[in-house]
PDB file of N, CA and C in Angstrom:
ATOM      1  N   MET A   1     214.078  38.606 -87.399  1.00  0.00           N
ATOM      2  CA  MET A   1     214.665  37.456 -86.298  1.00  0.00           C
ATOM      3  C   MET A   1     213.323  37.332 -85.384  1.00  0.00           C
ATOM      4  N   LEU A   2     212.777  39.476 -85.264  1.00  0.00           N
ATOM      5  CA  LEU A   2     211.905  39.024 -84.681  1.00  0.00           C
ATOM      6  C   LEU A   2     210.533  38.255 -84.200  1.00  0.00           C
ATOM      7  N   ASN A   3     210.738  38.243 -86.086  1.00  0.00           N
ATOM      8  CA  ASN A   3     209.226  37.570 -86.091  1.00  0.00           C
ATOM      9  C   ASN A   3     209.642  35.876 -86.054  1.00  0.00           C
ATOM     10  N   LEU A   4     210.639  35.463 -86.278  1.00  0.00           N
ATOM     11  CA  LEU A   4     211.304  34.201 -85.819  1.00  0.00           C
ATOM     12  C   LEU A   4     211.318  33.880 -84.381  1.00  0.00           C
ATOM     13  N   CYS A   5     211.442  34.717 -83.530  1.00  0.00           N
ATOM     14  CA  CYS A   5     211.548  34.635 -82.009  1.00  0.00           C
ATOM     15  C   CYS A   5     209.884  34.452 -81.436  1.00  0.00           C
ATOM     16  N   LEU A   6     209.372  35.465 -82.139  1.00  0.00           N
ATOM     17  CA  LEU A   6     207.705  35.793 -81.412  1.00  0.00           C
ATOM     18  C   LEU A   6     207.043  34.353 -82.249  1.00  0.00           C
ATOM     19  N   ALA A   7     207.247  33.871 -83.184  1.00  0.00           N
ATOM     20  CA  ALA A   7     206.351  32.577 -83.229  1.00  0.00           C
ATOM     21  C   ALA A   7     207.006  31.147 -83.133  1.00  0.00           C
ATOM     22  N   VAL A   8     208.366  31.298 -82.624  1.00  0.00           N
ATOM     23  CA  VAL A   8     208.509  30.179 -81.582  1.00  0.00           C
ATOM     24  C   VAL A   8     208.331  30.255 -80.283  1.00  0.00           C
ATOM     25  N   ILE A   9     208.251  31.715 -79.491  1.00  0.00           N
ATOM     26  CA  ILE A   9     207.532  31.695 -78.189  1.00  0.00           C
ATOM     27  C   ILE A   9     206.475  31.320 -78.309  1.00  0.00           C
ATOM     28  N   VAL A  10     205.136  31.695 -79.189  1.00  0.00           N
ATOM     29  CA  VAL A  10     204.107  31.575 -79.412  1.00  0.00           C
ATOM     30  C   VAL A  10     204.117  29.461 -79.561  1.00  0.00           C
ATOM     31  N   SER A  11     204.377  29.121 -80.044  1.00  0.00           N
ATOM     32  CA  SER A  11     204.293  27.917 -80.070  1.00  0.00           C
ATOM     33  C   SER A  11     205.003  27.100 -79.258  1.00  0.00           C
ATOM     34  N   VAL A  12     205.756  27.162 -78.279  1.00  0.00           N
ATOM     35  CA  VAL A  12     206.147  26.652 -76.994  1.00  0.00           C
ATOM     36  C   VAL A  12     205.345  26.875 -75.980  1.00  0.00           C
ATOM     37  N   LEU A  13     204.737  28.202 -76.421  1.00  0.00           N
ATOM     38  CA  LEU A  13     203.589  28.633 -75.146  1.00  0.00           C
ATOM     39  C   LEU A  13     202.212  26.956 -74.890  1.00  0.00           C
ATOM     40  N   ASN A  14     202.614  27.232 -76.234  1.00  0.00           N
ATOM     41  CA  ASN A  14     201.076  26.551 -76.766  1.00  0.00           C
ATOM     42  C   ASN A  14     201.174  24.893 -76.499  1.00  0.00           C
ATOM     43  N   MET A  15     202.284  24.614 -76.444  1.00  0.00           N
ATOM     44  CA  MET A  15     202.635  23.468 -76.451  1.00  0.00           C
ATOM     45  C   MET A  15     202.727  23.320 -74.710  1.00  0.00           C
ATOM     46  N   ALA A  16     203.084  24.317 -73.848  1.00  0.00           N
ATOM     47  CA  ALA A  16     203.213  24.051 -72.900  1.00  0.00           C
ATOM     48  C   ALA A  16     201.771  24.136 -71.964  1.00  0.00           C
ATOM     49  N   TYR A  17     200.641  24.520 -72.794  1.00  0.00           N
ATOM     50  CA  TYR A  17     199.246  24.809 -72.495  1.00  0.00           C
ATOM     51  C   TYR A  17     198.628  23.379 -72.693  1.00  0.00           C
ATOM     52  N   ALA A  18     199.684  22.818 -73.662  1.00  0.00           N
ATOM     53  CA  ALA A  18     198.732  21.366 -74.576  1.00  0.00           C
ATOM     54  C   ALA A  18     199.402  20.358 -73.363  1.00  0.00           C
ATOM     55  N   ALA A  19     200.760  20.352 -72.696  1.00  0.00           N
ATOM     56  CA  ALA A  19     201.343  19.539 -71.468  1.00  0.00           C
ATOM     57  C   ALA A  19     200.281  19.729 -70.532  1.00  0.00           C
ATOM     58  N   VAL A  20     199.862  20.993 -69.955  1.00  0.00           N
ATOM     59  CA  VAL A  20     199.167  21.146 -69.109  1.00  0.00           C
ATOM     60  C   VAL A  20     198.066  20.167 -68.982  1.00  0.00           C
ATOM     61  N   ILE A  21     197.220  20.567 -70.276  1.00  0.00           N
ATOM     62  CA  ILE A  21     195.985  19.748 -70.022  1.00  0.00           C
ATOM     63  C   ILE A  21     196.257  17.981 -69.751  1.00  0.00           C
ATOM     64  N   TYR A  22     197.204  18.206 -70.576  1.00  0.00           N
ATOM     65  CA  TYR A  22     197.718  16.794 -69.971  1.00  0.00           C
ATOM     66  C   TYR A  22     197.946  15.906 -69.125  1.00  0.00           C
ATOM     67  N   LEU A  23     198.606  16.941 -68.350  1.00  0.00           N
ATOM     68  CA  LEU A  23     199.020  16.615 -67.101  1.00  0.00           C
ATOM     69  C   LEU A  23     197.840  16.229 -66.238  1.00  0.00           C
ATOM     70  N   SER A  24     196.501  17.648 -66.403  1.00  0.00           N
ATOM     71  CA  SER A  24     195.585  17.450 -65.461  1.00  0.00           C
ATOM     72  C   SER A  24     194.184  15.868 -66.058  1.00  0.00           C
ATOM     73  N   LEU A  25     194.894  15.511 -67.056  1.00  0.00           N
ATOM     74  CA  LEU A  25     193.783  14.529 -67.275  1.00  0.00           C
ATOM     75  C   LEU A  25     194.474  13.012 -65.935  1.00  0.00           C
ATOM     76  N   HIS A  26     195.334  13.444 -65.393  1.00  0.00           N
ATOM     77  CA  HIS A  26     195.736  12.450 -64.507  1.00  0.00           C
ATOM     78  C   HIS A  26     195.905  13.057 -62.929  1.00  0.00           C
ATOM     79  N   GLY A  27     195.286  14.308 -62.681  1.00  0.00           N
ATOM     80  CA  GLY A  27     194.953  15.348 -62.044  1.00  0.00           C
ATOM     81  C   GLY A  27     196.003  15.308 -61.141  1.00  0.00           C
ATOM     82  N   TRP A  28     197.402  15.938 -62.418  1.00  0.00           N
ATOM     83  CA  TRP A  28     198.264  16.539 -61.024  1.00  0.00           C
ATOM     84  C   TRP A  28     198.527  18.026 -61.120  1.00  0.00           C
ATOM     85  N   ILE A  29     198.230  18.846 -62.002  1.00  0.00           N
ATOM     86  CA  ILE A  29     198.020  19.727 -61.756  1.00  0.00           C
ATOM     87  C   ILE A  29     196.932  20.662 -61.608  1.00  0.00           C
ATOM     88  N   VAL A  30     195.499  20.204 -62.329  1.00  0.00           N
ATOM     89  CA  VAL A  30     194.363  20.840 -61.993  1.00  0.00           C
ATOM     90  C   VAL A  30     193.215  19.683 -61.548  1.00  0.00           C
ATOM     91  N   PRO A  31     192.365  19.522 -61.060  1.00  0.00           N
ATOM     92  CA  PRO A  31     191.441  18.234 -60.845  1.00  0.00           C
ATOM     93  C   PRO A  31     190.654  17.889 -62.013  1.00  0.00           C
ATOM     94  N   LEU A  32     190.737  16.482 -62.244  1.00  0.00           N
ATOM     95  CA  LEU A  32     189.993  15.503 -62.810  1.00  0.00           C
ATOM     96  C   LEU A  32     188.826  16.159 -63.830  1.00  0.00           C
ATOM     97  N   GLU A  33     188.509  16.541 -64.965  1.00  0.00           N
ATOM     98  CA  GLU A  33     187.003  16.300 -64.785  1.00  0.00           C
ATOM     99  C   GLU A  33     186.488  15.665 -65.979  1.00  0.00           C
ATOM    100  N   THR A  34     185.592  15.177 -65.618  1.00  0.00           N
ATOM    101  CA  THR A  34     185.395  13.824 -66.274  1.00  0.00           C
ATOM    102  C   THR A  34     184.496  14.142 -67.538  1.00  0.00           C
ATOM    103  N   SER A  35     183.772  15.015 -68.112  1.00  0.00           N
ATOM    104  CA  SER A  35     183.219  15.118 -69.009  1.00  0.00           C
ATOM    105  C   SER A  35     183.644  15.369 -70.120  1.00  0.00           C
ATOM    106  N   GLY A  36     185.319  15.562 -70.126  1.00  0.00           N
ATOM    107  CA  GLY A  36     186.465  15.475 -71.137  1.00  0.00           C
ATOM    108  C   GLY A  36     186.286  16.777 -71.764  1.00  0.00           C
ATOM    109  N   MET A  37     185.921  18.049 -71.240  1.00  0.00           N
ATOM    110  CA  MET A  37     186.251  19.523 -72.145  1.00  0.00           C
ATOM    111  C   MET A  37     187.522  19.638 -71.867  1.00  0.00           C
ATOM    112  N   GLN A  38     188.328  19.146 -71.103  1.00  0.00           N
ATOM    113  CA  GLN A  38     190.244  19.504 -71.139  1.00  0.00           C
ATOM    114  C   GLN A  38     190.567  18.679 -72.462  1.00  0.00           C
ATOM    115  N   LEU A  39     190.032  18.095 -73.120  1.00  0.00           N
ATOM    116  CA  LEU A  39     190.473  16.955 -74.183  1.00  0.00           C
ATOM    117  C   LEU A  39     190.245  18.526 -75.635  1.00  0.00           C
ATOM    118  N   LEU A  40     188.315  18.458 -75.062  1.00  0.00           N
ATOM    119  CA  LEU A  40     188.006  19.394 -76.114  1.00  0.00           C
ATOM    120  C   LEU A  40     189.072  20.347 -76.473  1.00  0.00           C
ATOM    121  N   MET A  41     189.753  21.075 -75.349  1.00  0.00           N
ATOM    122  CA  MET A  41     190.498  22.596 -75.581  1.00  0.00           C
ATOM    123  C   MET A  41     191.357  22.436 -76.323  1.00  0.00           C
ATOM    124  N   HIS A  42     192.014  20.862 -76.565  1.00  0.00           N
ATOM    125  CA  HIS A  42     192.964  20.657 -77.680  1.00  0.00           C
ATOM    126  C   HIS A  42     192.724  21.090 -79.195  1.00  0.00           C
ATOM    127  N   ILE A  43     191.284  20.796 -79.364  1.00  0.00           N
ATOM    128  CA  ILE A  43     190.642  21.179 -80.542  1.00  0.00           C
ATOM    129  C   ILE A  43     190.551  23.015 -80.499  1.00  0.00           C
ATOM    130  N   PHE A  44     190.212  23.622 -79.665  1.00  0.00           N
ATOM    131  CA  PHE A  44     189.526  24.701 -79.926  1.00  0.00           C
ATOM    132  C   PHE A  44     190.660  25.801 -79.217  1.00  0.00           C
ATOM    133  N   VAL A  45     191.934  25.570 -79.069  1.00  0.00           N
ATOM    134  CA  VAL A  45     192.776  26.136 -78.686  1.00  0.00           C
ATOM    135  C   VAL A  45     194.368  26.000 -79.362  1.00  0.00           C
ATOM    136  N   THR A  46     194.808  24.683 -78.822  1.00  0.00           N
ATOM    137  CA  THR A  46     195.919  23.996 -79.395  1.00  0.00           C
ATOM    138  C   THR A  46     195.882  23.909 -80.910  1.00  0.00           C
ATOM    139  N   ALA A  47     194.947  22.853 -81.666  1.00  0.00           N
ATOM    140  CA  ALA A  47     195.260  22.892 -83.004  1.00  0.00           C
ATOM    141  C   ALA A  47     194.968  24.630 -83.697  1.00  0.00           C
ATOM    142  N   PRO A  48     194.195  25.427 -83.419  1.00  0.00           N
ATOM    143  CA  PRO A  48     194.390  26.694 -84.157  1.00  0.00           C
ATOM    144  C   PRO A  48     195.579  27.523 -84.051  1.00  0.00           C
ATOM    145  N   ILE A  49     196.673  27.143 -82.622  1.00  0.00           N
ATOM    146  CA  ILE A  49     197.715  28.081 -82.409  1.00  0.00           C
ATOM    147  C   ILE A  49     198.223  27.499 -83.146  1.00  0.00           C
ATOM    148  N   VAL A  50     198.263  25.803 -83.359  1.00  0.00           N
ATOM    149  CA  VAL A  50     199.379  25.018 -83.768  1.00  0.00           C
ATOM    150  C   VAL A  50     199.272  25.603 -85.564  1.00  0.00           C
ATOM    151  N   LEU A  51     198.242  25.637 -85.847  1.00  0.00           N
ATOM    152  CA  LEU A  51     198.025  25.839 -87.564  1.00  0.00           C
ATOM    153  C   LEU A  51     198.298  27.055 -87.703  1.00  0.00           C
ATOM    154  N   VAL A  52     198.109  28.536 -87.170  1.00  0.00           N
ATOM    155  CA  VAL A  52     198.749  29.961 -87.370  1.00  0.00           C
ATOM    156  C   VAL A  52     200.101  29.994 -87.006  1.00  0.00           C
ATOM    157  N   SER A  53     200.428  29.403 -85.963  1.00  0.00           N
ATOM    158  CA  SER A  53     201.980  29.822 -85.696  1.00  0.00           C
ATOM    159  C   SER A  53     202.988  28.789 -86.804  1.00  0.00           C
ATOM    160  N   THR A  54     202.225  28.049 -87.316  1.00  0.00           N
ATOM    161  CA  THR A  54     202.687  26.642 -88.831  1.00  0.00           C
ATOM    162  C   THR A  54     202.978  27.874 -89.900  1.00  0.00           C
ATOM    163  N   VAL A  55     202.268  28.712 -90.135  1.00  0.00           N
ATOM    164  CA  VAL A  55     201.714  29.205 -91.279  1.00  0.00           C
ATOM    165  C   VAL A  55     202.555  30.657 -91.117  1.00  0.00           C
ATOM    166  N   TRP A  56     202.765  31.299 -89.830  1.00  0.00           N
ATOM    167  CA  TRP A  56     204.028  32.124 -89.475  1.00  0.00           C
ATOM    168  C   TRP A  56     205.350  31.865 -89.903  1.00  0.00           C
ATOM    169  N   LEU A  57     204.940  30.694 -89.710  1.00  0.00           N
ATOM    170  CA  LEU A  57     207.119  30.114 -89.359  1.00  0.00           C
ATOM    171  C   LEU A  57     207.101  30.009 -90.897  1.00  0.00           C
ATOM    172  N   PHE A  58     205.947  29.454 -92.049  1.00  0.00           N
ATOM    173  CA  PHE A  58     205.866  29.108 -93.255  1.00  0.00           C
ATOM    174  C   PHE A  58     206.524  30.468 -94.000  1.00  0.00           C
ATOM    175  N   LEU A  59     205.806  31.353 -94.038  1.00  0.00           N
ATOM    176  CA  LEU A  59     205.756  32.488 -93.968  1.00  0.00           C
ATOM    177  C   LEU A  59     207.860  33.611 -93.833  1.00  0.00           C
ATOM    178  N   VAL A  60     208.010  33.195 -92.098  1.00  0.00           N
ATOM    179  CA  VAL A  60     209.014  33.867 -92.266  1.00  0.00           C
ATOM    180  C   VAL A  60     210.380  32.991 -92.767  1.00  0.00           C
ATOM    181  N   SER A  61     209.967  31.583 -93.321  1.00  0.00           N
ATOM    182  CA  SER A  61     211.219  30.863 -93.596  1.00  0.00           C
ATOM    183  C   SER A  61     210.898  30.960 -95.038  1.00  0.00           C
ATOM    184  N   LYS A  62     210.050  31.489 -95.578  1.00  0.00           N
ATOM    185  CA  LYS A  62     209.770  31.839 -97.506  1.00  0.00           C
ATOM    186  C   LYS A  62     210.849  33.144 -97.633  1.00  0.00           C
ATOM    187  N   TYR A  63     210.259  33.983 -96.828  1.00  0.00           N
ATOM    188  CA  TYR A  63     210.481  35.727 -96.831  1.00  0.00           C
ATOM    189  C   TYR A  63     212.624  35.535 -96.718  1.00  0.00           C
ATOM    190  N   GLY A  64     212.854  35.097 -95.329  1.00  0.00           N
ATOM    191  CA  GLY A  64     213.531  35.421 -94.887  1.00  0.00           C
ATOM    192  C   GLY A  64     215.027  33.965 -95.044  1.00  0.00           C
ATOM    193  N   LYS A  65     215.869  33.859 -94.524  1.00  0.00           N
ATOM    194  CA  LYS A  65     216.911  33.094 -94.731  1.00  0.00           C
ATOM    195  C   LYS A  65     217.246  31.804 -94.144  1.00  0.00           C
ATOM    196  N   LEU A  66     215.986  31.296 -93.516  1.00  0.00           N
ATOM    197  CA  LEU A  66     215.604  29.941 -92.615  1.00  0.00           C
ATOM    198  C   LEU A  66     215.221  28.897 -93.411  1.00  0.00           C
ATOM    199  N   SER A  67     215.786  27.986 -92.220  1.00  0.00           N
ATOM    200  CA  SER A  67     215.060  26.765 -93.314  1.00  0.00           C
ATOM    201  C   SER A  67     213.791  26.309 -92.775  1.00  0.00           C
ATOM    202  N   ALA A  68     213.148  25.400 -93.839  1.00  0.00           N
ATOM    203  CA  ALA A  68     211.846  25.108 -93.443  1.00  0.00           C
ATOM    204  C   ALA A  68     211.544  24.148 -92.920  1.00  0.00           C
ATOM    205  N   SER A  69     212.462  23.573 -91.667  1.00  0.00           N
ATOM    206  CA  SER A  69     212.720  22.619 -90.788  1.00  0.00           C
ATOM    207  C   SER A  69     211.568  23.066 -89.548  1.00  0.00           C
ATOM    208  N   PHE A  70     212.005  25.087 -89.439  1.00  0.00           N
ATOM    209  CA  PHE A  70     210.763  25.212 -88.404  1.00  0.00           C
ATOM    210  C   PHE A  70     209.387  25.395 -88.779  1.00  0.00           C
ATOM    211  N   TRP A  71     208.817  25.160 -89.899  1.00  0.00           N
ATOM    212  CA  TRP A  71     207.486  25.141 -89.631  1.00  0.00           C
ATOM    213  C   TRP A  71     207.153  23.269 -89.955  1.00  0.00           C
ATOM    214  N   LYS A  72     208.047  22.627 -90.295  1.00  0.00           N
ATOM    215  CA  LYS A  72     207.528  21.354 -90.559  1.00  0.00           C
ATOM    216  C   LYS A  72     207.771  21.083 -89.169  1.00  0.00           C
ATOM    217  N   VAL A  73     208.268  20.875 -88.210  1.00  0.00           N
ATOM    218  CA  VAL A  73     208.525  20.335 -86.982  1.00  0.00           C
ATOM    219  C   VAL A  73     207.556  21.020 -86.246  1.00  0.00           C
ATOM    220  N   ASN A  74     207.032  22.356 -86.484  1.00  0.00           N
ATOM    221  CA  ASN A  74     205.915  23.128 -86.043  1.00  0.00           C
ATOM    222  C   ASN A  74     204.731  22.002 -86.156  1.00  0.00           C
ATOM    223  N   LEU A  75     204.148  22.017 -87.256  1.00  0.00           N
ATOM    224  CA  LEU A  75     203.168  21.278 -87.605  1.00  0.00           C
ATOM    225  C   LEU A  75     203.267  19.857 -87.427  1.00  0.00           C
ATOM    226  N   ALA A  76     204.271  19.597 -86.644  1.00  0.00           N
ATOM    227  CA  ALA A  76     203.940  18.160 -85.764  1.00  0.00           C
ATOM    228  C   ALA A  76     203.459  17.956 -84.451  1.00  0.00           C
ATOM    229  N   GLY A  77     203.469  19.119 -84.534  1.00  0.00           N
ATOM    230  CA  GLY A  77     202.464  19.576 -83.489  1.00  0.00           C
ATOM    231  C   GLY A  77     200.868  19.354 -83.357  1.00  0.00           C
ATOM    232  N   ILE A  78     200.437  19.435 -84.646  1.00  0.00           N
ATOM    233  CA  ILE A  78     199.241  19.022 -84.740  1.00  0.00           C
ATOM    234  C   ILE A  78     198.631  17.210 -84.388  1.00  0.00           C
ATOM    235  N   ILE A  79     199.946  17.043 -84.230  1.00  0.00           N
ATOM    236  CA  ILE A  79     199.487  15.598 -83.187  1.00  0.00           C
ATOM    237  C   ILE A  79     198.581  15.785 -81.992  1.00  0.00           C
ATOM    238  N   VAL A  80     199.140  16.574 -81.405  1.00  0.00           N
ATOM    239  CA  VAL A  80     198.342  16.805 -80.325  1.00  0.00           C
ATOM    240  C   VAL A  80     197.093  16.398 -80.413  1.00  0.00           C
ATOM    241  N   PRO A  81     195.745  17.475 -80.756  1.00  0.00           N
ATOM    242  CA  PRO A  81     194.809  17.370 -81.201  1.00  0.00           C
ATOM    243  C   PRO A  81     194.306  16.249 -81.497  1.00  0.00           C
ATOM    244  N   VAL A  82     194.770  15.264 -82.457  1.00  0.00           N
ATOM    245  CA  VAL A  82     194.771  14.392 -83.299  1.00  0.00           C
ATOM    246  C   VAL A  82     194.662  13.057 -82.223  1.00  0.00           C
ATOM    247  N   VAL A  83     195.593  13.582 -81.374  1.00  0.00           N
ATOM    248  CA  VAL A  83     195.720  12.107 -80.224  1.00  0.00           C
ATOM    249  C   VAL A  83     194.685  12.464 -79.322  1.00  0.00           C
ATOM    250  N   SER A  84     194.132  13.688 -78.837  1.00  0.00           N
ATOM    251  CA  SER A  84     193.298  13.808 -77.828  1.00  0.00           C
ATOM    252  C   SER A  84     192.365  13.311 -78.432  1.00  0.00           C
ATOM    253  N   ILE A  85     191.380  13.447 -79.332  1.00  0.00           N
ATOM    254  CA  ILE A  85     190.781  13.265 -80.102  1.00  0.00           C
ATOM    255  C   ILE A  85     190.083  11.346 -79.916  1.00  0.00           C
ATOM    256  N   GLN A  86     191.195  11.012 -79.982  1.00  0.00           N
ATOM    257  CA  GLN A  86     191.346   9.253 -80.276  1.00  0.00           C
ATOM    258  C   GLN A  86     191.719   9.147 -78.634  1.00  0.00           C
ATOM    259  N   THR A  87     192.321   9.862 -77.637  1.00  0.00           N
ATOM    260  CA  THR A  87     192.443   9.799 -76.157  1.00  0.00           C
ATOM    261  C   THR A  87     190.805   9.527 -75.700  1.00  0.00           C
ATOM    262  N   GLY A  88     190.151  10.910 -76.034  1.00  0.00           N
ATOM    263  CA  GLY A  88     188.488  10.469 -75.727  1.00  0.00           C
ATOM    264  C   GLY A  88     187.964   9.422 -76.459  1.00  0.00           C
ATOM    265  N   VAL A  89     188.077   8.559 -77.258  1.00  0.00           N
ATOM    266  CA  VAL A  89     187.528   8.058 -77.853  1.00  0.00           C
ATOM    267  C   VAL A  89     187.587   6.562 -77.225  1.00  0.00           C
ATOM    268  N   SER A  90     189.134   6.289 -77.034  1.00  0.00           N
ATOM    269  CA  SER A  90     189.383   5.177 -76.495  1.00  0.00           C
ATOM    270  C   SER A  90     190.637   5.127 -75.798  1.00  0.00           C
ATOM    271  N   TYR A  91     190.826   5.103 -74.437  1.00  0.00           N
ATOM    272  CA  TYR A  91     191.889   5.194 -73.583  1.00  0.00           C
ATOM    273  C   TYR A  91     192.706   4.122 -74.143  1.00  0.00           C
ATOM    274  N   TYR A  92     194.150   4.659 -74.665  1.00  0.00           N
ATOM    275  CA  TYR A  92     194.985   3.408 -74.203  1.00  0.00           C
ATOM    276  C   TYR A  92     196.414   4.191 -74.520  1.00  0.00           C
ATOM    277  N   TYR A  93     196.506   5.125 -73.429  1.00  0.00           N
ATOM    278  CA  TYR A  93     197.795   5.464 -73.142  1.00  0.00           C
ATOM    279  C   TYR A  93     197.999   6.905 -74.559  1.00  0.00           C
ATOM    280  N   TYR A  94     197.154   7.255 -75.072  1.00  0.00           N
ATOM    281  CA  TYR A  94     197.384   8.089 -76.199  1.00  0.00           C
ATOM    282  C   TYR A  94     197.937   9.451 -75.551  1.00  0.00           C
ATOM    283  N   ASP A  95     197.770   9.790 -74.267  1.00  0.00           N
ATOM    284  CA  ASP A  95     198.054  11.050 -73.612  1.00  0.00           C
ATOM    285  C   ASP A  95     198.962  11.125 -73.461  1.00  0.00           C
ATOM    286  N   ILE A  96     200.134  10.175 -73.374  1.00  0.00           N
ATOM    287  CA  ILE A  96     201.556  10.110 -73.096  1.00  0.00           C
ATOM    288  C   ILE A  96     202.613  10.068 -74.626  1.00  0.00           C
ATOM    289  N   VAL A  97     201.309   9.731 -75.540  1.00  0.00           N
ATOM    290  CA  VAL A  97     202.199  10.036 -77.019  1.00  0.00           C
ATOM    291  C   VAL A  97     201.692  11.574 -77.010  1.00  0.00           C
ATOM    292  N   GLY A  98     200.845  12.170 -76.494  1.00  0.00           N
ATOM    293  CA  GLY A  98     200.523  13.683 -76.569  1.00  0.00           C
ATOM    294  C   GLY A  98     201.361  14.148 -76.008  1.00  0.00           C
ATOM    295  N   LEU A  99     201.562  14.029 -74.613  1.00  0.00           N
ATOM    296  CA  LEU A  99     202.192  14.686 -73.834  1.00  0.00           C
ATOM    297  C   LEU A  99     203.662  14.723 -74.396  1.00  0.00           C
ATOM    298  N   ALA A 100     204.623  13.203 -74.696  1.00  0.00           N
ATOM    299  CA  ALA A 100     206.202  13.248 -75.795  1.00  0.00           C
ATOM    300  C   ALA A 100     206.267  14.259 -76.957  1.00  0.00           C
ATOM    301  N   VAL A 101     204.738  14.390 -77.459  1.00  0.00           N
ATOM    302  CA  VAL A 101     205.025  15.657 -78.565  1.00  0.00           C
ATOM    303  C   VAL A 101     204.994  16.827 -78.128  1.00  0.00           C
ATOM    304  N   THR A 102     204.415  17.437 -76.898  1.00  0.00           N
ATOM    305  CA  THR A 102     203.969  18.660 -76.363  1.00  0.00           C
ATOM    306  C   THR A 102     205.276  18.672 -75.872  1.00  0.00           C
ATOM    307  N   VAL A 103     206.192  17.797 -75.326  1.00  0.00           N
ATOM    308  CA  VAL A 103     208.091  18.347 -75.151  1.00  0.00           C
ATOM    309  C   VAL A 103     208.505  18.089 -76.211  1.00  0.00           C
ATOM    310  N   LEU A 104     208.435  17.369 -77.440  1.00  0.00           N
ATOM    311  CA  LEU A 104     209.777  17.389 -78.176  1.00  0.00           C
ATOM    312  C   LEU A 104     209.634  18.440 -79.432  1.00  0.00           C
ATOM    313  N   VAL A 105     208.475  18.571 -79.430  1.00  0.00           N
ATOM    314  CA  VAL A 105     208.059  20.111 -80.526  1.00  0.00           C
ATOM    315  C   VAL A 105     208.976  21.100 -79.972  1.00  0.00           C
ATOM    316  N   PRO A 106     209.193  21.535 -78.783  1.00  0.00           N
ATOM    317  CA  PRO A 106     209.105  22.970 -78.557  1.00  0.00           C
ATOM    318  C   PRO A 106     210.993  22.541 -78.403  1.00  0.00           C
ATOM    319  N   VAL A 107     211.194  21.611 -77.927  1.00  0.00           N
ATOM    320  CA  VAL A 107     212.748  21.251 -77.501  1.00  0.00           C
ATOM    321  C   VAL A 107     213.846  21.415 -78.964  1.00  0.00           C
ATOM    322  N   ALA A 108     212.845  20.548 -80.356  1.00  0.00           N
ATOM    323  CA  ALA A 108     213.589  20.812 -81.337  1.00  0.00           C
ATOM    324  C   ALA A 108     212.886  22.371 -81.939  1.00  0.00           C
ATOM    325  N   LEU A 109     212.538  22.887 -81.544  1.00  0.00           N
ATOM    326  CA  LEU A 109     212.032  24.640 -82.067  1.00  0.00           C
ATOM    327  C   LEU A 109     213.195  25.065 -81.855  1.00  0.00           C
ATOM    328  N   VAL A 110     213.334  25.231 -80.249  1.00  0.00           N
ATOM    329  CA  VAL A 110     214.299  25.935 -79.600  1.00  0.00           C
ATOM    330  C   VAL A 110     215.714  25.259 -79.967  1.00  0.00           C
ATOM    331  N   THR A 111     215.714  24.474 -80.354  1.00  0.00           N
ATOM    332  CA  THR A 111     217.317  24.018 -80.888  1.00  0.00           C
ATOM    333  C   THR A 111     217.674  24.692 -82.059  1.00  0.00           C
ATOM    334  N   LEU A 112     216.449  24.396 -82.978  1.00  0.00           N
ATOM    335  CA  LEU A 112     216.416  24.879 -84.262  1.00  0.00           C
ATOM    336  C   LEU A 112     216.510  26.546 -84.339  1.00  0.00           C
ATOM    337  N   PHE A 113     216.020  27.181 -83.133  1.00  0.00           N
ATOM    338  CA  PHE A 113     216.587  28.380 -83.207  1.00  0.00           C
ATOM    339  C   PHE A 113     217.799  28.960 -82.525  1.00  0.00           C
ATOM    340  N   PHE A 114     218.320  28.691 -81.950  1.00  0.00           N
ATOM    341  CA  PHE A 114     219.303  29.154 -81.047  1.00  0.00           C
ATOM    342  C   PHE A 114     220.480  28.420 -82.160  1.00  0.00           C
ATOM    343  N   ARG A 115     220.281  27.591 -83.391  1.00  0.00           N
ATOM    344  CA  ARG A 115     220.941  27.110 -84.535  1.00  0.00           C
ATOM    345  C   ARG A 115     220.846  28.822 -85.460  1.00  0.00           C
ATOM    346  N   GLN A 116     219.661  28.762 -85.473  1.00  0.00           N
ATOM    347  CA  GLN A 116     219.811  30.178 -86.443  1.00  0.00           C
ATOM    348  C   GLN A 116     220.201  31.239 -85.449  1.00  0.00           C
ATOM    349  N   VAL A 117     220.311  31.309 -84.428  1.00  0.00           N
ATOM    350  CA  VAL A 117     221.106  32.835 -83.379  1.00  0.00           C
ATOM    351  C   VAL A 117     222.359  32.748 -83.891  1.00  0.00           C
ATOM    352  N   GLY A 118     223.113  31.432 -83.977  1.00  0.00           N
ATOM    353  CA  GLY A 118     224.267  31.280 -84.337  1.00  0.00           C
ATOM    354  C   GLY A 118     224.614  31.391 -85.654  1.00  0.00           C
ATOM    355  N   ARG A 119     224.008  30.946 -86.499  1.00  0.00           N
ATOM    356  CA  ARG A 119     224.496  31.437 -88.035  1.00  0.00           C
ATOM    357  C   ARG A 119     224.131  32.743 -88.257  1.00  0.00           C
ATOM    358  N   ASN A 120     223.396  33.762 -87.358  1.00  0.00           N
ATOM    359  CA  ASN A 120     222.988  35.116 -87.623  1.00  0.00           C
ATOM    360  C   ASN A 120     224.067  35.637 -87.048  1.00  0.00           C
ATOM    361  N   ALA A 121     224.603  35.085 -86.088  1.00  0.00           N
ATOM    362  CA  ALA A 121     225.338  36.153 -85.303  1.00  0.00           C
ATOM    363  C   ALA A 121     227.320  36.050 -86.236  1.00  0.00           C
ATOM    364  N   ASN A 122     227.323  35.036 -86.844  1.00  0.00           N
ATOM    365  CA  ASN A 122     228.293  34.807 -87.589  1.00  0.00           C
ATOM    366  C   ASN A 122     228.541  35.713 -88.597  1.00  0.00           C
ATOM    367  N   ASN A 123     227.471  36.056 -89.526  1.00  0.00           N
ATOM    368  CA  ASN A 123     227.191  36.444 -90.417  1.00  0.00           C
ATOM    369  C   ASN A 123     227.493  38.170 -90.393  1.00  0.00           C
TER     370      ASN A 123
END
């Protein structure tokens, strides 16, 4: 359970960081920087952490009694860097799609985590 808990925490913190980057595009949390470096941070930080945490959750689900839904939901977080690249190319409100993913993925992971904790408590 500790491995699962740590993997979910890493993924949720990564999505929170991605949400801060998206909110900074509107100048809400940090000042807007026009060079596009904020969007590149999705590629340099968010994407590798999504991939590492997905592999981590895959291994935990493979060797533990967990649903494969954990790593599949977490893999949906790869949409964030992909949408970030598209936002840099053409600005058609893809940042809103990315922001929605940064909210939905952690909510789904936390829900799955608490269901798993409930199943383990019953056993």
